Amino acid sequence: MLSEIVQTLITLWGGKDTYPTEEKINRNIKQLRDEEWFQKLFSQHKDLFLENKEIRYVIGAVNLDKVLRSEKDKRKFQEVLSTLINKKQK
């Protein structure tokens, strides 16, 4: 399961190897908040999205324009976020 998540992240990031800036992370969160599926997730786990470094890294590192254009990539990204949230809640 973890290897699948890592593989998905590498695909979604497009091989990115730099840490995303806070500006990029916040911009991506703002853009995601326009997505209906993310609104519910964000409202339920707002603290994690605003404070958890791993979740924020994933949101900032992803090529969000690419993800949101593809239903397949969007589903993968949703799964990654859900998995990280579930991991953090345990």
Protein backbone atom coordinates (compact mmCIF):
# COMPACT_ATOMS: atom_id res chain seq x y z
CA MET A 1 0.00 0.00 0.00
CA LEU A 2 2.74 2.46 0.93
CA SER A 3 4.65 1.74 -2.27
CA GLU A 4 1.50 2.46 -4.28
CA ILE A 5 1.17 5.81 -2.53
CA VAL A 6 4.79 6.68 -3.23
CA GLN A 7 4.41 5.67 -6.88
CA THR A 8 1.25 7.77 -7.19
CA LEU A 9 2.96 10.76 -5.61
CA ILE A 10 5.92 10.52 -7.97
CA THR A 11 3.53 10.40 -10.92
CA LEU A 12 1.49 13.35 -9.68
CA TRP A 13 4.56 15.43 -8.82
CA GLY A 14 6.13 14.89 -12.18
CA GLY A 15 9.55 14.21 -10.68
CA LYS A 16 9.69 17.38 -8.64
CA ASP A 17 12.65 17.45 -6.29
CA THR A 18 12.37 20.80 -4.51
CA TYR A 19 10.36 21.66 -1.44
CA PRO A 20 7.27 23.71 -2.28
CA THR A 21 7.03 27.23 -0.88
CA GLU A 22 4.33 28.22 1.60
CA GLU A 23 2.98 30.50 -1.13
CA LYS A 24 2.56 27.56 -3.52
CA ILE A 25 1.03 25.36 -0.82
CA ASN A 26 -1.50 28.06 0.10
CA ARG A 27 -2.26 28.78 -3.55
CA ASN A 28 -2.94 25.08 -4.17
CA ILE A 29 -5.16 24.84 -1.09
CA LYS A 30 -7.10 27.88 -2.28
CA GLN A 31 -7.51 26.32 -5.73
CA LEU A 32 -8.55 22.98 -4.22
CA ARG A 33 -11.21 24.69 -2.12
CA ASP A 34 -13.08 25.35 -5.36
CA GLU A 35 -13.39 21.58 -5.83
CA GLU A 36 -16.54 20.08 -4.30
CA TRP A 37 -14.82 16.88 -3.18
CA PHE A 38 -12.13 18.87 -1.35
CA GLN A 39 -14.55 21.22 0.42
CA LYS A 40 -15.93 18.42 2.60
CA LEU A 41 -12.48 16.99 3.29
CA PHE A 42 -11.12 20.43 4.17
CA SER A 43 -13.99 21.28 6.51
CA GLN A 44 -13.59 17.98 8.37
CA HIS A 45 -9.78 18.15 8.65
CA LYS A 46 -8.97 21.85 8.45
CA ASP A 47 -6.30 21.68 11.18
CA LEU A 48 -4.38 18.96 9.33
CA PHE A 49 -4.45 20.93 6.07
CA LEU A 50 -3.22 24.07 7.78
CA GLU A 51 -0.64 22.55 10.16
CA ASN A 52 0.52 19.08 9.09
CA LYS A 53 3.81 19.33 7.21
CA GLU A 54 3.44 16.07 5.27
CA ILE A 55 -0.03 16.88 3.99
CA ARG A 56 0.99 20.44 3.15
CA TYR A 57 4.08 19.14 1.32
CA VAL A 58 1.96 16.82 -0.83
CA ILE A 59 -0.47 19.61 -1.66
CA GLY A 60 2.34 22.00 -2.56
CA ALA A 61 4.45 19.52 -4.50
CA VAL A 62 1.73 18.24 -6.79
CA ASN A 63 1.17 19.70 -10.26
CA LEU A 64 -2.37 20.72 -9.40
CA ASP A 65 -3.33 21.95 -12.87
CA LYS A 66 -2.44 18.54 -14.31
CA VAL A 67 -4.25 16.68 -11.53
CA LEU A 68 -7.46 18.68 -11.86
CA ARG A 69 -7.60 18.19 -15.64
CA SER A 70 -7.59 14.40 -15.35
CA GLU A 71 -10.33 12.49 -13.51
CA LYS A 72 -7.93 9.59 -13.02
CA ASP A 73 -5.24 11.81 -11.47
CA LYS A 74 -7.85 13.61 -9.40
CA ARG A 75 -9.06 10.29 -7.93
CA LYS A 76 -5.47 9.24 -7.19
CA PHE A 77 -4.80 12.54 -5.44
CA GLN A 78 -7.99 12.19 -3.40
CA GLU A 79 -6.87 8.71 -2.34
CA VAL A 80 -3.43 9.97 -1.35
CA LEU A 81 -4.89 12.78 0.76
CA SER A 82 -7.41 10.44 2.38
CA THR A 83 -4.69 7.91 3.20
CA LEU A 84 -2.47 10.58 4.74
CA ILE A 85 -5.37 11.95 6.78
CA ASN A 86 -6.28 8.50 8.05
CA LYS A 87 -2.64 7.86 8.95
CA LYS A 88 -2.42 11.12 10.90
CA GLN A 89 -5.62 10.46 12.84
CA LYS A 90 -4.36 7.16 14.28
